[in-house]
Amino acid sequence: MALHPRLRPAPRPDSQHVPAVAPSCSDNNSQWRAEPLADGAARLVARHSGKALDLVACNLADGTTIQQWAWLDNICQRFHVRPV
């Protein structure tokens, strides 16, 4: 899965913070699994950490910071695949 280059991990003071984008695309830290949810959305889970893709502060603006975070089952971690 390719991520927009302007999306950067946010610095977080707690120990759960893991950057969402790794410098290399050849390792398993660049691999994501889409897991369907009951409401039709999907959570994206990093293969190497088991953490979910997360939008910082649930922001939807261009350039929003993304990160890996423990699954919280909130709107910040639910994604829909739509045709463009």
N, C-alpha and C. Protein backbone atom coordinates (compact mmCIF):
# COMPACT_ATOMS: atom_id res chain seq x y z
N MET A 1 0.84 -1.16 0.00
CA MET A 1 0.00 0.00 0.00
C MET A 1 0.89 1.23 0.00
N ALA A 2 0.71 2.12 -0.93
CA ALA A 2 1.51 3.35 -1.00
C ALA A 2 0.83 4.44 -0.19
N LEU A 3 1.60 5.16 0.56
CA LEU A 3 1.08 6.27 1.36
C LEU A 3 1.62 7.57 0.82
N HIS A 4 0.84 8.61 0.88
CA HIS A 4 1.25 9.91 0.38
C HIS A 4 2.50 10.38 1.12
N PRO A 5 3.52 10.90 0.39
CA PRO A 5 4.78 11.27 1.05
C PRO A 5 4.65 12.40 2.06
N ARG A 6 3.58 13.19 1.99
CA ARG A 6 3.42 14.28 2.96
C ARG A 6 2.88 13.80 4.29
N LEU A 7 2.44 12.55 4.38
CA LEU A 7 1.93 12.01 5.63
C LEU A 7 3.10 11.55 6.48
N ARG A 8 3.30 12.13 7.61
CA ARG A 8 4.44 11.84 8.47
C ARG A 8 3.96 11.40 9.85
N PRO A 9 4.72 10.53 10.52
CA PRO A 9 4.34 10.12 11.87
C PRO A 9 4.47 11.28 12.85
N ALA A 10 3.57 11.33 13.78
CA ALA A 10 3.59 12.40 14.79
C ALA A 10 4.42 11.98 15.98
N PRO A 11 5.18 12.91 16.55
CA PRO A 11 5.86 12.56 17.80
C PRO A 11 4.84 12.46 18.92
N ARG A 12 4.86 11.36 19.64
CA ARG A 12 3.95 11.16 20.76
C ARG A 12 4.79 10.82 21.98
N PRO A 13 4.43 11.33 23.13
CA PRO A 13 5.24 11.10 24.31
C PRO A 13 5.15 9.69 24.90
N ASP A 14 4.14 8.92 24.54
CA ASP A 14 4.02 7.61 25.16
C ASP A 14 4.75 6.53 24.35
N SER A 15 4.86 5.37 24.92
CA SER A 15 5.67 4.30 24.34
C SER A 15 4.96 3.57 23.21
N GLN A 16 3.69 3.86 22.94
CA GLN A 16 2.98 3.15 21.88
C GLN A 16 3.30 3.70 20.50
N HIS A 17 3.87 4.89 20.39
CA HIS A 17 4.08 5.51 19.08
C HIS A 17 5.04 4.70 18.23
N VAL A 18 4.59 4.39 17.04
CA VAL A 18 5.43 3.73 16.04
C VAL A 18 5.16 4.45 14.73
N PRO A 19 6.20 4.89 14.02
CA PRO A 19 5.95 5.56 12.73
C PRO A 19 5.16 4.65 11.79
N ALA A 20 4.30 5.25 10.98
CA ALA A 20 3.48 4.48 10.05
C ALA A 20 4.21 4.15 8.76
N VAL A 21 5.20 4.97 8.42
CA VAL A 21 5.90 4.78 7.16
C VAL A 21 7.37 4.51 7.45
N ALA A 22 7.88 3.41 6.91
CA ALA A 22 9.28 3.04 7.09
C ALA A 22 10.10 3.50 5.90
N PRO A 23 11.42 3.72 6.09
CA PRO A 23 12.25 4.19 4.98
C PRO A 23 12.40 3.17 3.86
N SER A 24 12.27 1.90 4.13
CA SER A 24 12.44 0.85 3.12
C SER A 24 11.11 0.19 2.84
N CYS A 25 10.86 -0.13 1.58
CA CYS A 25 9.62 -0.81 1.22
C CYS A 25 9.83 -2.30 1.03
N SER A 26 11.02 -2.80 1.32
CA SER A 26 11.30 -4.21 1.07
C SER A 26 11.12 -5.10 2.29
N ASP A 27 10.99 -4.53 3.46
CA ASP A 27 10.86 -5.31 4.69
C ASP A 27 9.39 -5.46 5.08
N ASN A 28 9.12 -6.35 6.05
CA ASN A 28 7.73 -6.54 6.46
C ASN A 28 7.18 -5.34 7.24
N ASN A 29 8.02 -4.37 7.61
CA ASN A 29 7.51 -3.17 8.28
C ASN A 29 6.82 -2.22 7.30
N SER A 30 6.79 -2.59 6.02
CA SER A 30 6.07 -1.81 5.02
C SER A 30 4.84 -2.56 4.51
N GLN A 31 4.47 -3.63 5.19
CA GLN A 31 3.35 -4.45 4.76
C GLN A 31 2.17 -4.27 5.70
N TRP A 32 0.99 -4.12 5.10
CA TRP A 32 -0.24 -3.87 5.85
C TRP A 32 -1.29 -4.89 5.49
N ARG A 33 -2.12 -5.24 6.44
CA ARG A 33 -3.21 -6.19 6.25
C ARG A 33 -4.52 -5.43 6.46
N ALA A 34 -5.45 -5.55 5.51
CA ALA A 34 -6.77 -4.93 5.66
C ALA A 34 -7.69 -5.96 6.31
N GLU A 35 -8.25 -5.59 7.46
CA GLU A 35 -9.17 -6.48 8.18
C GLU A 35 -10.57 -5.87 8.13
N PRO A 36 -11.52 -6.57 7.50
CA PRO A 36 -12.88 -6.03 7.41
C PRO A 36 -13.54 -5.92 8.79
N LEU A 37 -14.33 -4.87 8.95
CA LEU A 37 -15.07 -4.64 10.19
C LEU A 37 -16.57 -4.78 9.90
N ALA A 38 -17.35 -5.01 10.92
CA ALA A 38 -18.79 -5.28 10.77
C ALA A 38 -19.54 -4.14 10.10
N ASP A 39 -19.06 -2.90 10.24
CA ASP A 39 -19.78 -1.75 9.67
C ASP A 39 -19.40 -1.47 8.21
N GLY A 40 -18.59 -2.33 7.60
CA GLY A 40 -18.18 -2.13 6.21
C GLY A 40 -16.85 -1.43 6.05
N ALA A 41 -16.33 -0.90 7.12
CA ALA A 41 -15.01 -0.26 7.10
C ALA A 41 -13.94 -1.36 7.24
N ALA A 42 -12.70 -0.94 7.19
CA ALA A 42 -11.59 -1.87 7.41
C ALA A 42 -10.56 -1.20 8.30
N ARG A 43 -9.88 -1.99 9.08
CA ARG A 43 -8.72 -1.47 9.80
C ARG A 43 -7.49 -1.98 9.07
N LEU A 44 -6.47 -1.16 9.03
CA LEU A 44 -5.22 -1.51 8.39
C LEU A 44 -4.21 -1.80 9.47
N VAL A 45 -3.68 -3.03 9.48
CA VAL A 45 -2.80 -3.49 10.55
C VAL A 45 -1.40 -3.74 9.99
N ALA A 46 -0.40 -3.18 10.64
CA ALA A 46 0.99 -3.37 10.23
C ALA A 46 1.42 -4.79 10.53
N ARG A 47 2.06 -5.43 9.55
CA ARG A 47 2.48 -6.83 9.73
C ARG A 47 3.49 -6.97 10.85
N HIS A 48 4.46 -6.06 10.94
CA HIS A 48 5.55 -6.23 11.90
C HIS A 48 5.17 -5.88 13.33
N SER A 49 4.20 -4.98 13.52
CA SER A 49 3.89 -4.53 14.89
C SER A 49 2.52 -4.97 15.38
N GLY A 50 1.62 -5.28 14.46
CA GLY A 50 0.25 -5.61 14.84
C GLY A 50 -0.57 -4.40 15.25
N LYS A 51 -0.05 -3.19 15.01
CA LYS A 51 -0.76 -1.97 15.37
C LYS A 51 -1.56 -1.45 14.18
N ALA A 52 -2.60 -0.69 14.48
CA ALA A 52 -3.50 -0.18 13.45
C ALA A 52 -3.01 1.16 12.92
N LEU A 53 -3.32 1.43 11.64
CA LEU A 53 -3.07 2.75 11.08
C LEU A 53 -4.02 3.71 11.75
N ASP A 54 -3.53 4.89 12.11
CA ASP A 54 -4.28 5.83 12.93
C ASP A 54 -4.07 7.24 12.41
N LEU A 55 -5.15 8.01 12.24
CA LEU A 55 -5.07 9.43 11.88
C LEU A 55 -4.96 10.24 13.16
N VAL A 56 -3.91 11.03 13.29
CA VAL A 56 -3.74 11.83 14.49
C VAL A 56 -4.89 12.83 14.61
N ALA A 57 -5.51 12.85 15.75
CA ALA A 57 -6.64 13.73 16.08
C ALA A 57 -7.82 13.55 15.12
N CYS A 58 -7.89 12.42 14.43
CA CYS A 58 -8.96 12.13 13.47
C CYS A 58 -9.06 13.19 12.37
N ASN A 59 -7.97 13.85 12.08
CA ASN A 59 -7.95 14.92 11.08
C ASN A 59 -8.04 14.33 9.68
N LEU A 60 -8.83 14.92 8.81
CA LEU A 60 -8.98 14.44 7.44
C LEU A 60 -8.38 15.39 6.40
N ALA A 61 -7.71 16.44 6.84
CA ALA A 61 -7.12 17.42 5.92
C ALA A 61 -5.90 16.84 5.19
N ASP A 62 -5.60 17.40 4.00
CA ASP A 62 -4.38 17.01 3.30
C ASP A 62 -3.18 17.20 4.21
N GLY A 63 -2.27 16.25 4.18
CA GLY A 63 -1.06 16.34 5.00
C GLY A 63 -1.24 15.89 6.43
N THR A 64 -2.40 15.31 6.75
CA THR A 64 -2.63 14.82 8.11
C THR A 64 -1.58 13.79 8.49
N THR A 65 -1.11 13.88 9.70
CA THR A 65 -0.13 12.93 10.21
C THR A 65 -0.80 11.59 10.47
N ILE A 66 -0.10 10.53 10.09
CA ILE A 66 -0.57 9.18 10.38
C ILE A 66 0.47 8.48 11.24
N GLN A 67 0.03 7.45 11.94
CA GLN A 67 0.93 6.70 12.81
C GLN A 67 0.35 5.30 13.00
N GLN A 68 1.14 4.45 13.60
CA GLN A 68 0.64 3.16 14.07
C GLN A 68 0.28 3.33 15.54
N TRP A 69 -0.85 2.70 15.93
CA TRP A 69 -1.31 2.84 17.31
C TRP A 69 -2.07 1.59 17.71
N ALA A 70 -2.07 1.26 18.95
CA ALA A 70 -2.87 0.13 19.44
C ALA A 70 -4.33 0.33 19.01
N TRP A 71 -5.02 -0.76 18.69
CA TRP A 71 -6.41 -0.69 18.24
C TRP A 71 -7.29 -0.12 19.32
N LEU A 72 -7.96 1.00 19.01
CA LEU A 72 -8.87 1.66 19.94
C LEU A 72 -10.32 1.55 19.50
N ASP A 73 -10.56 0.97 18.31
CA ASP A 73 -11.91 0.81 17.77
C ASP A 73 -12.62 2.15 17.69
N ASN A 74 -11.93 3.16 17.14
CA ASN A 74 -12.54 4.48 16.98
C ASN A 74 -12.50 4.91 15.52
N ILE A 75 -13.12 6.03 15.22
CA ILE A 75 -13.24 6.52 13.85
C ILE A 75 -11.88 6.86 13.24
N CYS A 76 -10.89 7.16 14.06
CA CYS A 76 -9.55 7.51 13.57
C CYS A 76 -8.83 6.32 12.95
N GLN A 77 -9.34 5.12 13.18
CA GLN A 77 -8.66 3.91 12.73
C GLN A 77 -9.51 3.07 11.77
N ARG A 78 -10.59 3.65 11.26
CA ARG A 78 -11.47 2.94 10.33
C ARG A 78 -11.34 3.57 8.95
N PHE A 79 -11.19 2.73 7.94
CA PHE A 79 -10.97 3.21 6.58
C PHE A 79 -11.93 2.53 5.63
N HIS A 80 -12.33 3.27 4.59
CA HIS A 80 -13.22 2.76 3.55
C HIS A 80 -12.49 2.84 2.21
N VAL A 81 -12.57 1.77 1.43
CA VAL A 81 -11.99 1.77 0.09
C VAL A 81 -13.10 2.18 -0.87
N ARG A 82 -12.84 3.24 -1.62
CA ARG A 82 -13.83 3.77 -2.55
C ARG A 82 -13.19 4.01 -3.90
N PRO A 83 -13.93 3.85 -4.97
CA PRO A 83 -13.36 4.15 -6.29
C PRO A 83 -13.15 5.66 -6.42
N VAL A 84 -12.12 6.01 -7.16
CA VAL A 84 -11.84 7.44 -7.39
C VAL A 84 -11.88 7.76 -8.86
